[in-house]
Amino acid sequence: MKNVNFKMEVSVPLEAVEEVLVTALEGGINYWGYLLGEEKLEEWIDEKIEKGELKRDDSIHYKWMDAMFQGCPHKISVWDVEEEKDEGTEPLGYLSMDTIGKGMQLAMRDYPRLYAQHFPEYDNGDVISADVLFQLMIMGDVVYG
């Protein structure tokens, strides 16, 4: 049988995306990864706020996350907790709105049950499902756990 390919656009609440990221960062990924570069996003949003171009959305848990959601062009690098960060090492990947979207597409296709625990609204998601979704966002695959 022949397959037909469709490109689909899915709309999800920003709060649901934030919930996955916060859950992953505060309990899901600690055993394998950490972030670097949040300060660039915070500086970007502070500058935009100072110029009157943006307002801080205090409902967003982290300032850098608010900056990312509001279009900051900087990415955050995600590093392996067991690797020494030096000139010879590369990050595991990057966190941006683009990588979030790609990870969510992979999750819908390859991990629909875990995806449905968070989107379109929270339904029993936890640190394990958030960790899987975050790995898909960063590396395009589930590598840890």
N, C-alpha and C. Protein backbone atom coordinates (compact mmCIF):
# COMPACT_ATOMS: atom_id res chain seq x y z
N MET A 1 0.84 -1.17 0.00
CA MET A 1 0.00 0.00 0.00
C MET A 1 0.88 1.24 0.00
N LYS A 2 0.49 2.22 -0.76
CA LYS A 2 1.23 3.47 -0.88
C LYS A 2 0.88 4.41 0.28
N ASN A 3 1.88 5.16 0.76
CA ASN A 3 1.67 6.13 1.83
C ASN A 3 1.44 7.52 1.26
N VAL A 4 0.72 8.30 1.99
CA VAL A 4 0.52 9.70 1.67
C VAL A 4 1.10 10.51 2.81
N ASN A 5 1.89 11.52 2.49
CA ASN A 5 2.50 12.37 3.51
C ASN A 5 1.74 13.69 3.61
N PHE A 6 1.50 14.11 4.85
CA PHE A 6 0.85 15.37 5.13
C PHE A 6 1.72 16.18 6.06
N LYS A 7 1.80 17.45 5.83
CA LYS A 7 2.46 18.34 6.78
C LYS A 7 1.35 18.95 7.60
N MET A 8 1.44 18.80 8.92
CA MET A 8 0.39 19.27 9.80
C MET A 8 0.90 20.37 10.71
N GLU A 9 0.04 21.29 11.02
CA GLU A 9 0.35 22.33 11.98
C GLU A 9 -0.55 22.12 13.18
N VAL A 10 0.06 22.11 14.36
CA VAL A 10 -0.69 21.88 15.59
C VAL A 10 -0.51 23.09 16.48
N SER A 11 -1.59 23.53 17.07
CA SER A 11 -1.55 24.65 18.00
C SER A 11 -1.69 24.11 19.42
N VAL A 12 -0.75 24.47 20.27
CA VAL A 12 -0.81 24.03 21.67
C VAL A 12 -0.67 25.26 22.57
N PRO A 13 -1.27 25.22 23.74
CA PRO A 13 -1.13 26.36 24.65
C PRO A 13 0.32 26.55 25.10
N LEU A 14 0.74 27.80 25.12
CA LEU A 14 2.09 28.12 25.57
C LEU A 14 2.33 27.61 26.99
N GLU A 15 1.29 27.66 27.81
CA GLU A 15 1.41 27.18 29.18
C GLU A 15 1.78 25.69 29.22
N ALA A 16 1.29 24.92 28.26
CA ALA A 16 1.61 23.50 28.21
C ALA A 16 3.08 23.29 27.85
N VAL A 17 3.59 24.10 26.93
CA VAL A 17 5.00 24.01 26.56
C VAL A 17 5.86 24.39 27.77
N GLU A 18 5.48 25.47 28.43
CA GLU A 18 6.22 25.90 29.61
C GLU A 18 6.22 24.81 30.69
N GLU A 19 5.08 24.19 30.89
CA GLU A 19 4.95 23.14 31.91
C GLU A 19 5.91 21.98 31.62
N VAL A 20 6.01 21.59 30.37
CA VAL A 20 6.93 20.50 30.01
C VAL A 20 8.37 20.93 30.28
N LEU A 21 8.74 22.12 29.85
CA LEU A 21 10.11 22.59 30.05
C LEU A 21 10.46 22.70 31.52
N VAL A 22 9.58 23.31 32.31
CA VAL A 22 9.86 23.48 33.74
C VAL A 22 9.95 22.11 34.42
N THR A 23 9.03 21.21 34.11
CA THR A 23 9.06 19.87 34.71
C THR A 23 10.35 19.15 34.35
N ALA A 24 10.75 19.24 33.09
CA ALA A 24 11.99 18.59 32.66
C ALA A 24 13.20 19.20 33.35
N LEU A 25 13.25 20.52 33.41
CA LEU A 25 14.42 21.19 33.97
C LEU A 25 14.53 21.06 35.48
N GLU A 26 13.40 20.98 36.16
CA GLU A 26 13.44 20.93 37.61
C GLU A 26 13.37 19.51 38.17
N GLY A 27 13.42 18.53 37.32
CA GLY A 27 13.39 17.19 37.87
C GLY A 27 13.62 16.08 36.88
N GLY A 28 13.48 16.35 35.60
CA GLY A 28 13.57 15.28 34.62
C GLY A 28 14.93 15.06 34.01
N ILE A 29 15.67 16.14 33.74
CA ILE A 29 16.93 16.00 32.99
C ILE A 29 18.18 16.08 33.86
N ASN A 30 18.01 16.31 35.15
CA ASN A 30 19.17 16.55 36.02
C ASN A 30 20.21 15.43 35.99
N TYR A 31 19.80 14.23 35.67
CA TYR A 31 20.75 13.12 35.67
C TYR A 31 21.58 13.07 34.39
N TRP A 32 21.21 13.80 33.36
CA TRP A 32 21.98 13.74 32.12
C TRP A 32 22.38 15.09 31.54
N GLY A 33 21.70 16.19 31.88
CA GLY A 33 22.03 17.43 31.21
C GLY A 33 21.86 18.68 32.04
N TYR A 34 22.45 19.75 31.56
CA TYR A 34 22.28 21.07 32.16
C TYR A 34 22.35 22.12 31.05
N LEU A 35 21.82 23.30 31.35
CA LEU A 35 21.75 24.39 30.38
C LEU A 35 22.88 25.39 30.57
N LEU A 36 23.28 26.01 29.46
CA LEU A 36 24.20 27.15 29.49
C LEU A 36 23.71 28.17 28.47
N GLY A 37 23.78 29.44 28.83
CA GLY A 37 23.44 30.50 27.89
C GLY A 37 22.17 31.24 28.20
N GLU A 38 21.54 30.95 29.34
CA GLU A 38 20.30 31.62 29.68
C GLU A 38 20.48 33.14 29.81
N GLU A 39 21.67 33.55 30.26
CA GLU A 39 21.90 34.98 30.50
C GLU A 39 21.79 35.80 29.21
N LYS A 40 22.15 35.22 28.06
CA LYS A 40 22.02 35.96 26.79
C LYS A 40 20.55 36.27 26.50
N LEU A 41 19.67 35.34 26.80
CA LEU A 41 18.25 35.55 26.57
C LEU A 41 17.70 36.58 27.55
N GLU A 42 18.18 36.52 28.79
CA GLU A 42 17.73 37.48 29.79
C GLU A 42 18.20 38.90 29.44
N GLU A 43 19.43 39.02 28.95
CA GLU A 43 19.94 40.33 28.52
C GLU A 43 19.12 40.85 27.35
N TRP A 44 18.77 39.97 26.42
CA TRP A 44 17.98 40.36 25.25
C TRP A 44 16.62 40.91 25.67
N ILE A 45 15.92 40.19 26.55
CA ILE A 45 14.59 40.65 26.96
C ILE A 45 14.68 41.92 27.81
N ASP A 46 15.71 42.03 28.65
CA ASP A 46 15.88 43.25 29.44
C ASP A 46 16.06 44.46 28.53
N GLU A 47 16.85 44.29 27.47
CA GLU A 47 17.07 45.37 26.51
C GLU A 47 15.76 45.74 25.80
N LYS A 48 14.98 44.74 25.40
CA LYS A 48 13.70 44.99 24.72
C LYS A 48 12.70 45.67 25.66
N ILE A 49 12.71 45.28 26.91
CA ILE A 49 11.82 45.90 27.89
C ILE A 49 12.23 47.35 28.12
N GLU A 50 13.53 47.58 28.25
CA GLU A 50 14.04 48.94 28.47
C GLU A 50 13.67 49.87 27.32
N LYS A 51 13.67 49.34 26.09
CA LYS A 51 13.32 50.13 24.91
C LYS A 51 11.80 50.27 24.74
N GLY A 52 11.04 49.56 25.58
CA GLY A 52 9.59 49.62 25.49
C GLY A 52 9.00 48.74 24.39
N GLU A 53 9.81 47.81 23.85
CA GLU A 53 9.37 46.95 22.76
C GLU A 53 8.64 45.70 23.25
N LEU A 54 8.95 45.27 24.45
CA LEU A 54 8.33 44.08 25.03
C LEU A 54 8.00 44.34 26.49
N LYS A 55 7.15 43.48 27.03
CA LYS A 55 6.84 43.48 28.46
C LYS A 55 7.12 42.08 28.98
N ARG A 56 7.58 42.03 30.20
CA ARG A 56 7.84 40.75 30.85
C ARG A 56 6.52 40.10 31.20
N ASP A 57 6.35 38.85 30.81
CA ASP A 57 5.17 38.07 31.17
C ASP A 57 5.50 37.32 32.45
N ASP A 58 5.06 37.86 33.58
CA ASP A 58 5.41 37.28 34.88
C ASP A 58 4.78 35.91 35.11
N SER A 59 3.84 35.51 34.26
CA SER A 59 3.27 34.17 34.40
C SER A 59 4.23 33.09 33.90
N ILE A 60 5.25 33.50 33.14
CA ILE A 60 6.27 32.56 32.65
C ILE A 60 7.31 32.41 33.75
N HIS A 61 7.57 31.17 34.14
CA HIS A 61 8.41 30.85 35.29
C HIS A 61 9.81 31.48 35.22
N TYR A 62 10.47 31.32 34.09
CA TYR A 62 11.85 31.82 33.94
C TYR A 62 11.87 32.99 32.96
N LYS A 63 12.70 33.99 33.27
CA LYS A 63 12.83 35.14 32.38
C LYS A 63 13.38 34.73 31.03
N TRP A 64 14.39 33.85 31.02
CA TRP A 64 14.96 33.42 29.74
C TRP A 64 13.93 32.70 28.89
N MET A 65 13.03 31.96 29.53
CA MET A 65 11.99 31.25 28.80
C MET A 65 11.00 32.24 28.20
N ASP A 66 10.67 33.28 28.94
CA ASP A 66 9.81 34.34 28.43
C ASP A 66 10.46 34.97 27.20
N ALA A 67 11.76 35.23 27.26
CA ALA A 67 12.48 35.79 26.11
C ALA A 67 12.39 34.87 24.90
N MET A 68 12.59 33.59 25.12
CA MET A 68 12.52 32.62 24.03
C MET A 68 11.12 32.62 23.42
N PHE A 69 10.10 32.62 24.25
CA PHE A 69 8.72 32.62 23.77
C PHE A 69 8.37 33.90 23.01
N GLN A 70 9.09 35.00 23.33
CA GLN A 70 8.81 36.28 22.69
C GLN A 70 9.72 36.57 21.50
N GLY A 71 10.44 35.55 21.04
CA GLY A 71 11.19 35.70 19.79
C GLY A 71 12.67 35.94 19.89
N CYS A 72 13.26 35.73 21.04
CA CYS A 72 14.71 35.91 21.17
C CYS A 72 15.44 35.00 20.18
N PRO A 73 16.42 35.54 19.45
CA PRO A 73 17.13 34.73 18.46
C PRO A 73 18.22 33.83 19.05
N HIS A 74 18.57 34.02 20.30
CA HIS A 74 19.64 33.22 20.92
C HIS A 74 19.12 31.85 21.33
N LYS A 75 20.00 30.85 21.22
CA LYS A 75 19.68 29.50 21.64
C LYS A 75 20.39 29.21 22.97
N ILE A 76 19.84 28.26 23.67
CA ILE A 76 20.47 27.80 24.91
C ILE A 76 21.12 26.45 24.62
N SER A 77 22.36 26.29 25.01
CA SER A 77 23.03 25.01 24.78
C SER A 77 22.74 24.07 25.95
N VAL A 78 22.64 22.79 25.63
CA VAL A 78 22.38 21.76 26.63
C VAL A 78 23.59 20.81 26.62
N TRP A 79 24.15 20.62 27.80
CA TRP A 79 25.41 19.88 27.94
C TRP A 79 25.22 18.61 28.76
N ASP A 80 26.07 17.64 28.50
CA ASP A 80 26.11 16.38 29.23
C ASP A 80 26.73 16.63 30.61
N VAL A 81 26.07 16.17 31.67
CA VAL A 81 26.59 16.40 33.03
C VAL A 81 27.89 15.65 33.29
N GLU A 82 28.18 14.63 32.52
CA GLU A 82 29.38 13.84 32.77
C GLU A 82 30.57 14.25 31.92
N GLU A 83 30.37 15.21 31.02
CA GLU A 83 31.48 15.66 30.17
C GLU A 83 32.02 16.98 30.68
N GLU A 84 33.34 17.10 30.63
CA GLU A 84 34.00 18.36 30.94
C GLU A 84 33.75 19.31 29.79
N LYS A 85 33.27 20.51 30.08
CA LYS A 85 33.05 21.49 29.03
C LYS A 85 34.38 22.20 28.77
N ASP A 86 34.94 21.96 27.59
CA ASP A 86 36.16 22.64 27.18
C ASP A 86 36.08 22.88 25.68
N GLU A 87 37.17 23.33 25.10
CA GLU A 87 37.15 23.68 23.68
C GLU A 87 36.88 22.49 22.78
N GLY A 88 37.15 21.29 23.22
CA GLY A 88 36.97 20.12 22.38
C GLY A 88 35.60 19.47 22.46
N THR A 89 34.77 19.91 23.39
CA THR A 89 33.46 19.28 23.53
C THR A 89 32.37 20.11 22.87
N GLU A 90 31.35 19.43 22.45
CA GLU A 90 30.19 20.07 21.84
C GLU A 90 28.98 19.83 22.72
N PRO A 91 28.03 20.75 22.71
CA PRO A 91 26.81 20.49 23.48
C PRO A 91 26.02 19.34 22.87
N LEU A 92 25.15 18.77 23.67
CA LEU A 92 24.27 17.70 23.18
C LEU A 92 23.30 18.25 22.14
N GLY A 93 22.96 19.52 22.27
CA GLY A 93 22.04 20.17 21.36
C GLY A 93 21.67 21.54 21.90
N TYR A 94 20.63 22.11 21.32
CA TYR A 94 20.22 23.45 21.67
C TYR A 94 18.72 23.50 21.93
N LEU A 95 18.32 24.43 22.78
CA LEU A 95 16.92 24.66 23.06
C LEU A 95 16.52 25.98 22.42
N SER A 96 15.52 25.94 21.56
CA SER A 96 14.98 27.12 20.91
C SER A 96 13.54 26.79 20.53
N MET A 97 12.81 27.77 20.08
CA MET A 97 11.44 27.50 19.64
C MET A 97 11.43 26.52 18.47
N ASP A 98 12.44 26.60 17.62
CA ASP A 98 12.54 25.68 16.49
C ASP A 98 12.74 24.24 16.96
N THR A 99 13.66 24.04 17.91
CA THR A 99 13.91 22.67 18.38
C THR A 99 12.75 22.15 19.20
N ILE A 100 12.05 23.04 19.89
CA ILE A 100 10.85 22.63 20.63
C ILE A 100 9.81 22.09 19.66
N GLY A 101 9.58 22.83 18.57
CA GLY A 101 8.61 22.39 17.57
C GLY A 101 8.98 21.06 16.94
N LYS A 102 10.25 20.90 16.60
CA LYS A 102 10.70 19.64 15.99
C LYS A 102 10.55 18.49 16.98
N GLY A 103 10.89 18.73 18.23
CA GLY A 103 10.75 17.68 19.25
C GLY A 103 9.30 17.29 19.47
N MET A 104 8.41 18.26 19.43
CA MET A 104 6.99 17.96 19.61
C MET A 104 6.45 17.15 18.44
N GLN A 105 6.92 17.44 17.23
CA GLN A 105 6.50 16.65 16.07
C GLN A 105 6.96 15.20 16.21
N LEU A 106 8.20 15.02 16.65
CA LEU A 106 8.71 13.67 16.87
C LEU A 106 7.91 12.95 17.95
N ALA A 107 7.59 13.67 19.02
CA ALA A 107 6.83 13.07 20.12
C ALA A 107 5.44 12.65 19.66
N MET A 108 4.78 13.50 18.86
CA MET A 108 3.44 13.14 18.36
C MET A 108 3.51 11.87 17.53
N ARG A 109 4.56 11.74 16.75
CA ARG A 109 4.70 10.58 15.85
C ARG A 109 5.18 9.32 16.58
N ASP A 110 6.24 9.47 17.38
CA ASP A 110 6.91 8.30 17.95
C ASP A 110 6.52 7.97 19.39
N TYR A 111 6.01 8.96 20.13
CA TYR A 111 5.64 8.77 21.53
C TYR A 111 4.29 9.41 21.80
N PRO A 112 3.26 9.01 21.07
CA PRO A 112 1.96 9.68 21.19
C PRO A 112 1.36 9.63 22.59
N ARG A 113 1.58 8.54 23.32
CA ARG A 113 1.04 8.44 24.67
C ARG A 113 1.69 9.47 25.60
N LEU A 114 2.99 9.62 25.51
CA LEU A 114 3.69 10.60 26.35
C LEU A 114 3.33 12.02 25.92
N TYR A 115 3.22 12.24 24.63
CA TYR A 115 2.82 13.55 24.12
C TYR A 115 1.44 13.93 24.68
N ALA A 116 0.51 12.98 24.65
CA ALA A 116 -0.87 13.23 25.10
C ALA A 116 -0.94 13.49 26.60
N GLN A 117 0.09 13.13 27.34
CA GLN A 117 0.10 13.42 28.78
C GLN A 117 0.32 14.91 29.06
N HIS A 118 0.75 15.65 28.04
CA HIS A 118 1.04 17.07 28.22
C HIS A 118 0.27 17.98 27.28
N PHE A 119 -0.09 17.49 26.12
CA PHE A 119 -0.71 18.32 25.09
C PHE A 119 -2.00 17.70 24.61
N PRO A 120 -3.03 18.46 24.37
CA PRO A 120 -3.10 19.92 24.41
C PRO A 120 -3.17 20.49 25.82
N GLU A 121 -3.44 19.63 26.80
CA GLU A 121 -3.39 20.10 28.19
C GLU A 121 -2.88 18.97 29.06
N TYR A 122 -2.44 19.33 30.24
CA TYR A 122 -1.86 18.37 31.17
C TYR A 122 -2.83 17.23 31.47
N ASP A 123 -2.33 15.99 31.33
CA ASP A 123 -3.12 14.80 31.63
C ASP A 123 -2.19 13.72 32.17
N ASN A 124 -1.77 13.89 33.41
CA ASN A 124 -0.95 12.89 34.07
C ASN A 124 0.51 12.88 33.63
N GLY A 125 0.99 13.96 33.03
CA GLY A 125 2.41 14.03 32.68
C GLY A 125 3.25 14.11 33.94
N ASP A 126 4.49 13.71 33.82
CA ASP A 126 5.39 13.74 34.97
C ASP A 126 6.82 14.00 34.51
N VAL A 127 7.78 13.87 35.43
CA VAL A 127 9.17 14.14 35.07
C VAL A 127 9.68 13.17 34.02
N ILE A 128 9.17 11.95 34.01
CA ILE A 128 9.63 10.96 33.03
C ILE A 128 9.15 11.34 31.63
N SER A 129 7.87 11.66 31.48
CA SER A 129 7.37 12.03 30.16
C SER A 129 7.98 13.37 29.72
N ALA A 130 8.15 14.31 30.64
CA ALA A 130 8.76 15.60 30.29
C ALA A 130 10.22 15.41 29.87
N ASP A 131 10.92 14.50 30.52
CA ASP A 131 12.31 14.20 30.16
C ASP A 131 12.38 13.66 28.73
N VAL A 132 11.51 12.74 28.38
CA VAL A 132 11.49 12.18 27.03
C VAL A 132 11.21 13.29 26.01
N LEU A 133 10.21 14.11 26.28
CA LEU A 133 9.89 15.19 25.35
C LEU A 133 11.06 16.16 25.22
N PHE A 134 11.72 16.46 26.32
CA PHE A 134 12.86 17.38 26.28
C PHE A 134 14.01 16.78 25.48
N GLN A 135 14.28 15.49 25.65
CA GLN A 135 15.33 14.85 24.86
C GLN A 135 15.03 14.92 23.38
N LEU A 136 13.77 14.73 23.01
CA LEU A 136 13.38 14.85 21.60
C LEU A 136 13.59 16.28 21.10
N MET A 137 13.34 17.26 21.95
CA MET A 137 13.54 18.66 21.58
C MET A 137 15.01 18.99 21.38
N ILE A 138 15.86 18.40 22.19
CA ILE A 138 17.28 18.73 22.17
C ILE A 138 18.08 17.88 21.19
N MET A 139 17.82 16.57 21.22
CA MET A 139 18.66 15.65 20.45
C MET A 139 17.93 14.94 19.32
N GLY A 140 16.62 15.09 19.27
CA GLY A 140 15.85 14.43 18.22
C GLY A 140 15.70 12.94 18.44
N ASP A 141 16.06 12.48 19.63
CA ASP A 141 15.98 11.06 19.95
C ASP A 141 16.00 10.92 21.47
N VAL A 142 15.59 9.76 21.96
CA VAL A 142 15.67 9.47 23.39
C VAL A 142 16.97 8.71 23.61
N VAL A 143 17.90 9.35 24.27
CA VAL A 143 19.24 8.81 24.46
C VAL A 143 19.45 8.32 25.88
N TYR A 144 18.85 9.01 26.84
CA TYR A 144 19.06 8.70 28.26
C TYR A 144 17.80 8.09 28.86
N GLY A 145 18.02 7.14 29.79
CA GLY A 145 16.91 6.56 30.55
C GLY A 145 16.12 5.64 29.80
